[in-house]
Amino acid sequence: MKKQHLRRGAMVALVIVVILCCFLAPYAWIVSSSFKNQLTLFNDVTPLSWRAFLPVEGTFENYRTLFARTNVLTALMNTAIVAGGQVALTLLLCSMAAYSLTRIRFPGAKIVFVLILLTFLLPIEAMMVPLYQVVSGLGLSNTLLGVMIPWIASPFGLFLLKQAFEELPVELEDAARIDGAGHVRIFFSIVLPNVKVPMLTLGLITFLFSWNSFLWPLVIIQDPAIQVIQVAIAQQGSPTQLPNWGETFAGATVATVPLILLFLLLQKYFTQGMTTSGIKG
């Protein structure tokens, strides 16, 4: 019996190690390549060897060149502003919409909810031209506000928070109404404090989506001084020369560090929010 448990434990550990390697190996290659010059980078992958995943003869030249030739810090600041603003506006709008659909009864509420969810099926590429026309018509082209504003009405965010709101008991709200509280007071003083974990989960997902956004910022922003980090990395270097892949990997590493730190800090809330908001496997 003990041998069977040991075998099962060993198999589980082996599967976990294989999965970790599949997910971590590409990122390890990116980070390792960011510390190599162009020649060493290609020599380590043709043929592929363990040296591809470790910077045996590492150098910081790619990082020095990156920070000297590219406005990386400015791009990081722009991306943080866009991501932070999008998180705040998404949480406010989606929580208010979820409260309306779960606490305010009106004809056609289910139809409205279904129609909103159907918009989640539309590909971003299909919405790019009309979105550009609307944002440009509002005078928000080539602005950071224009980057974030089309995505604050999140169907996924509405779905996530609606599930969380429906699980809240209504007895506290009924007691508050007896004391004369209206919808605004109930929403901010009773409902929101009890859905902190789903709100944090939605905030983290929205931040990841905004930080990794590439196509829309590329379309709506023409000024390099206010460009976000993903596009700034892609546009570095000269179009008439071969790309410096070590410098590109250095930029990718710099861009992913804030995401990794944020996820490590909030992973507990992310897991709790996904398991307590109706999204279960």
Protein backbone atom coordinates (compact mmCIF):
# COMPACT_ATOMS: atom_id res chain seq x y z
CA MET A 1 0.00 0.00 0.00
CA LYS A 2 2.82 2.37 0.90
CA LYS A 3 4.61 1.54 -2.34
CA GLN A 4 1.49 2.46 -4.31
CA HIS A 5 1.26 5.79 -2.49
CA LEU A 6 4.94 6.45 -3.15
CA ARG A 7 4.54 5.62 -6.84
CA ARG A 8 1.48 7.83 -7.10
CA GLY A 9 3.28 10.66 -5.33
CA ALA A 10 6.29 10.26 -7.62
CA MET A 11 4.08 10.32 -10.72
CA VAL A 12 2.29 13.45 -9.51
CA ALA A 13 5.62 15.13 -8.77
CA LEU A 14 6.92 14.17 -12.22
CA VAL A 15 3.83 15.58 -13.94
CA ILE A 16 4.17 18.82 -11.96
CA VAL A 17 7.85 19.12 -12.91
CA VAL A 18 7.07 18.55 -16.60
CA ILE A 19 4.29 21.17 -16.53
CA LEU A 20 6.55 23.68 -14.77
CA CYS A 21 9.29 23.09 -17.31
CA CYS A 22 6.87 23.62 -20.20
CA PHE A 23 5.74 26.94 -18.75
CA LEU A 24 9.03 28.19 -17.34
CA ALA A 25 11.42 27.10 -20.09
CA PRO A 26 10.35 29.78 -22.63
CA TYR A 27 10.61 32.54 -20.03
CA ALA A 28 13.97 31.19 -18.83
CA TRP A 29 15.19 31.31 -22.43
CA ILE A 30 14.02 34.92 -22.82
CA VAL A 31 15.69 36.07 -19.59
CA SER A 32 18.88 34.15 -20.35
CA SER A 33 19.03 35.52 -23.92
CA SER A 34 18.70 39.07 -22.63
CA PHE A 35 22.19 38.72 -21.12
CA LYS A 36 23.84 37.49 -24.34
CA ASN A 37 25.18 39.14 -27.46
CA GLN A 38 23.76 38.26 -30.87
CA LEU A 39 26.42 35.68 -31.76
CA THR A 40 26.26 33.81 -28.45
CA LEU A 41 22.46 33.79 -28.55
CA PHE A 42 22.33 32.02 -31.92
CA ASN A 43 25.19 29.65 -31.10
CA ASP A 44 23.34 28.40 -28.01
CA VAL A 45 20.16 27.52 -29.91
CA THR A 46 21.70 25.97 -33.03
CA PRO A 47 21.93 23.22 -31.94
CA LEU A 48 19.78 23.65 -28.84
CA SER A 49 21.69 23.06 -25.62
CA TRP A 50 21.36 23.76 -21.92
CA ARG A 51 23.36 26.95 -22.47
CA ALA A 52 20.27 28.48 -24.11
CA PHE A 53 18.57 28.61 -20.71
CA LEU A 54 21.51 29.89 -18.68
CA PRO A 55 23.60 33.03 -19.28
CA VAL A 56 26.99 31.32 -18.98
CA GLU A 57 28.90 34.37 -20.22
CA GLY A 58 26.38 37.03 -19.27
CA THR A 59 26.61 40.72 -20.08
CA PHE A 60 24.47 43.75 -19.22
CA GLU A 61 25.19 45.45 -22.54
CA ASN A 62 21.68 44.78 -23.88
CA TYR A 63 20.12 46.49 -20.85
CA ARG A 64 22.50 49.45 -21.09
CA THR A 65 21.65 49.86 -24.77
CA LEU A 66 17.94 49.46 -24.10
CA PHE A 67 17.80 52.20 -21.47
CA ALA A 68 20.10 54.47 -23.45
CA ARG A 69 18.26 54.28 -26.81
CA THR A 70 14.65 53.66 -25.73
CA ASN A 71 12.35 55.59 -23.40
CA VAL A 72 11.69 52.47 -21.38
CA LEU A 73 11.01 54.24 -18.09
CA THR A 74 8.60 56.67 -19.76
CA ALA A 75 6.85 53.79 -21.54
CA LEU A 76 6.57 51.88 -18.26
CA MET A 77 5.06 54.94 -16.58
CA ASN A 78 2.58 55.40 -19.44
CA THR A 79 1.58 51.74 -19.24
CA ALA A 80 1.14 51.96 -15.46
CA ILE A 81 -1.09 55.02 -15.84
CA VAL A 82 -3.22 53.32 -18.49
CA ALA A 83 -3.47 50.05 -16.56
CA GLY A 84 -4.23 51.78 -13.25
CA GLY A 85 -6.86 54.02 -14.78
CA GLN A 86 -8.48 51.14 -16.64
CA VAL A 87 -8.62 49.06 -13.45
CA ALA A 88 -10.26 51.86 -11.45
CA LEU A 89 -12.84 52.70 -14.12
CA THR A 90 -13.60 49.04 -14.88
CA LEU A 91 -14.18 48.21 -11.22
CA LEU A 92 -16.47 51.20 -10.77
CA LEU A 93 -18.52 50.65 -13.92
CA CYS A 94 -18.81 46.86 -13.69
CA SER A 95 -19.70 46.89 -9.98
CA MET A 96 -22.43 49.47 -10.55
CA ALA A 97 -23.80 47.48 -13.50
CA ALA A 98 -23.70 44.22 -11.53
CA TYR A 99 -25.51 45.87 -8.62
CA SER A 100 -28.19 47.18 -10.97
CA LEU A 101 -28.77 43.76 -12.53
CA THR A 102 -28.90 41.90 -9.21
CA ARG A 103 -30.60 44.37 -6.84
CA ILE A 104 -32.80 46.57 -9.05
CA ARG A 105 -35.59 44.60 -10.69
CA PHE A 106 -36.70 45.88 -14.08
CA PRO A 107 -38.26 44.25 -17.17
CA GLY A 108 -35.75 42.75 -19.56
CA ALA A 109 -32.86 42.56 -17.07
CA LYS A 110 -31.90 39.05 -18.19
CA ILE A 111 -32.04 40.04 -21.85
CA VAL A 112 -29.78 43.03 -21.19
CA PHE A 113 -27.31 40.79 -19.36
CA VAL A 114 -27.25 38.23 -22.19
CA LEU A 115 -26.77 40.93 -24.84
CA ILE A 116 -23.85 42.38 -22.89
CA LEU A 117 -22.25 38.95 -22.60
CA LEU A 118 -22.63 38.38 -26.34
CA THR A 119 -20.34 41.34 -26.98
CA PHE A 120 -17.59 39.30 -25.32
CA LEU A 121 -17.61 37.06 -28.41
CA LEU A 122 -16.67 39.88 -30.77
CA PRO A 123 -12.97 39.77 -31.77
CA ILE A 124 -10.95 42.88 -31.07
CA GLU A 125 -9.84 43.07 -34.70
CA ALA A 126 -13.46 43.40 -35.87
CA MET A 127 -14.04 46.37 -33.53
CA MET A 128 -10.81 48.21 -34.30
CA VAL A 129 -12.07 50.49 -37.11
CA PRO A 130 -15.35 51.61 -35.45
CA LEU A 131 -13.55 52.07 -32.12
CA TYR A 132 -10.94 54.25 -33.80
CA GLN A 133 -13.65 56.37 -35.42
CA VAL A 134 -15.49 56.83 -32.12
CA VAL A 135 -12.38 57.62 -30.07
CA SER A 136 -11.08 60.01 -32.73
CA GLY A 137 -14.47 61.70 -32.91
CA LEU A 138 -14.30 62.30 -29.16
CA GLY A 139 -10.90 63.96 -29.57
CA LEU A 140 -9.13 61.24 -27.59
CA SER A 141 -6.85 60.00 -30.36
CA ASN A 142 -3.17 59.98 -29.40
CA THR A 143 -3.98 60.20 -25.67
CA LEU A 144 -3.60 57.77 -22.79
CA LEU A 145 -7.30 58.18 -22.01
CA GLY A 146 -8.08 57.01 -25.52
CA VAL A 147 -6.11 53.83 -24.87
CA MET A 148 -8.07 52.82 -21.79
CA ILE A 149 -11.60 54.16 -22.36
CA PRO A 150 -12.91 51.57 -24.90
CA TRP A 151 -12.22 48.64 -22.58
CA ILE A 152 -13.63 49.75 -19.23
CA ALA A 153 -17.07 48.26 -20.01
CA SER A 154 -15.92 44.67 -19.56
CA PRO A 155 -18.49 41.88 -20.19
CA PHE A 156 -16.27 39.45 -18.29
CA GLY A 157 -16.03 41.87 -15.37
CA LEU A 158 -19.80 42.25 -15.27
CA PHE A 159 -20.25 38.48 -15.31
CA LEU A 160 -17.69 37.94 -12.55
CA LEU A 161 -19.13 40.57 -10.22
CA LYS A 162 -22.74 39.62 -10.94
CA GLN A 163 -22.02 36.10 -9.73
CA ALA A 164 -20.40 37.50 -6.59
CA PHE A 165 -23.28 39.89 -5.89
CA GLU A 166 -25.87 37.14 -6.29
CA GLU A 167 -24.14 35.09 -3.59
CA LEU A 168 -24.43 37.88 -1.04
CA PRO A 169 -27.32 37.55 1.46
CA VAL A 170 -29.92 40.32 1.13
CA GLU A 171 -30.77 40.46 4.85
CA LEU A 172 -28.17 43.15 5.58
CA GLU A 173 -29.49 45.27 2.73
CA ASP A 174 -33.08 44.85 3.94
CA ALA A 175 -32.04 45.98 7.41
CA ALA A 176 -30.29 49.01 5.92
CA ARG A 177 -33.41 49.93 3.95
CA ILE A 178 -35.46 49.82 7.13
CA ASP A 179 -32.99 52.34 8.60
CA GLY A 180 -33.59 54.58 5.60
CA ALA A 181 -30.52 53.76 3.49
CA GLY A 182 -30.79 54.20 -0.26
CA HIS A 183 -29.11 52.36 -3.10
CA VAL A 184 -25.98 54.53 -3.05
CA ARG A 185 -25.31 53.96 0.65
CA ILE A 186 -26.10 50.24 0.42
CA PHE A 187 -23.81 49.88 -2.60
CA PHE A 188 -20.77 51.61 -1.08
CA SER A 189 -21.22 50.70 2.60
CA ILE A 190 -22.61 47.15 2.50
CA VAL A 191 -22.19 45.48 -0.88
CA LEU A 192 -18.70 46.53 -1.95
CA PRO A 193 -16.97 45.71 1.38
CA ASN A 194 -18.28 42.14 1.06
CA VAL A 195 -16.96 41.51 -2.46
CA LYS A 196 -13.35 42.59 -1.97
CA VAL A 197 -11.87 39.32 -3.25
CA PRO A 198 -13.83 39.26 -6.55
CA MET A 199 -13.03 42.96 -7.00
CA LEU A 200 -9.32 42.28 -6.51
CA THR A 201 -9.54 39.36 -8.93
CA LEU A 202 -11.17 41.51 -11.60
CA GLY A 203 -8.63 44.26 -10.94
CA LEU A 204 -5.73 41.87 -11.45
CA ILE A 205 -7.19 40.40 -14.66
CA THR A 206 -7.90 43.88 -16.02
CA PHE A 207 -4.39 45.04 -15.14
CA LEU A 208 -2.85 42.06 -16.95
CA PHE A 209 -5.02 42.65 -20.02
CA SER A 210 -4.20 46.36 -20.12
CA TRP A 211 -0.47 45.90 -19.50
CA ASN A 212 -0.15 43.34 -22.31
CA SER A 213 -2.25 45.31 -24.79
CA PHE A 214 -0.43 45.89 -28.07
CA LEU A 215 -2.72 46.26 -31.10
CA TRP A 216 -5.00 49.04 -29.84
CA PRO A 217 -2.20 51.29 -28.47
CA LEU A 218 -0.33 50.77 -31.74
CA VAL A 219 -3.38 52.03 -33.66
CA ILE A 220 -4.52 54.92 -31.46
CA ILE A 221 -1.15 56.41 -30.41
CA GLN A 222 1.26 57.99 -32.88
CA ASP A 223 3.45 59.99 -30.48
CA PRO A 224 6.38 57.85 -29.22
CA ALA A 225 6.57 59.99 -26.07
CA ILE A 226 3.26 58.60 -24.79
CA GLN A 227 3.55 55.08 -26.16
CA VAL A 228 3.11 52.03 -23.90
CA ILE A 229 5.85 49.55 -23.10
CA GLN A 230 4.75 46.68 -25.39
CA VAL A 231 4.71 48.87 -28.50
CA ALA A 232 7.89 50.71 -27.46
CA ILE A 233 9.76 47.40 -27.29
CA ALA A 234 8.46 46.30 -30.69
CA GLN A 235 9.44 49.63 -32.30
CA GLN A 236 12.96 49.81 -30.91
CA GLY A 237 15.89 49.64 -33.27
CA SER A 238 16.18 50.73 -36.89
CA PRO A 239 13.90 49.41 -39.66
CA THR A 240 16.88 49.20 -42.03
CA GLN A 241 18.93 46.92 -39.74
CA LEU A 242 18.50 43.41 -38.43
CA PRO A 243 16.87 43.34 -34.99
CA ASN A 244 19.07 42.98 -31.94
CA TRP A 245 17.32 40.04 -30.31
CA GLY A 246 19.25 40.33 -27.08
CA GLU A 247 18.01 43.91 -26.67
CA THR A 248 14.46 42.82 -27.56
CA PHE A 249 14.57 40.07 -24.95
CA ALA A 250 15.90 42.57 -22.41
CA GLY A 251 12.90 44.78 -23.10
CA ALA A 252 10.53 41.83 -22.76
CA THR A 253 12.12 40.93 -19.43
CA VAL A 254 11.77 44.48 -18.11
CA ALA A 255 8.12 44.56 -19.23
CA THR A 256 7.20 41.31 -17.47
CA VAL A 257 8.85 41.96 -14.10
CA PRO A 258 6.01 44.22 -12.78
CA LEU A 259 3.42 41.63 -13.80
CA ILE A 260 5.23 38.81 -12.05
CA LEU A 261 5.64 40.82 -8.84
CA LEU A 262 1.98 41.87 -8.89
CA PHE A 263 0.75 38.34 -9.48
CA LEU A 264 2.94 36.93 -6.69
CA LEU A 265 1.50 39.50 -4.29
CA LEU A 266 -2.13 38.93 -5.27
CA GLN A 267 -2.22 35.27 -6.34
CA LYS A 268 -4.07 34.25 -3.14
CA TYR A 269 -6.89 36.69 -3.86
CA PHE A 270 -6.95 35.69 -7.52
CA THR A 271 -7.45 32.02 -6.62
CA GLN A 272 -10.10 32.80 -4.02
CA GLY A 273 -11.98 35.08 -6.38
CA MET A 274 -12.09 32.52 -9.20
CA THR A 275 -13.39 29.81 -6.89
CA THR A 276 -16.01 31.89 -5.06
CA SER A 277 -17.53 33.80 -7.98
CA GLY A 278 -19.22 31.06 -9.92
CA ILE A 279 -16.25 30.24 -12.21
CA LYS A 280 -15.53 26.70 -11.20
CA GLY A 281 -14.13 23.77 -13.09
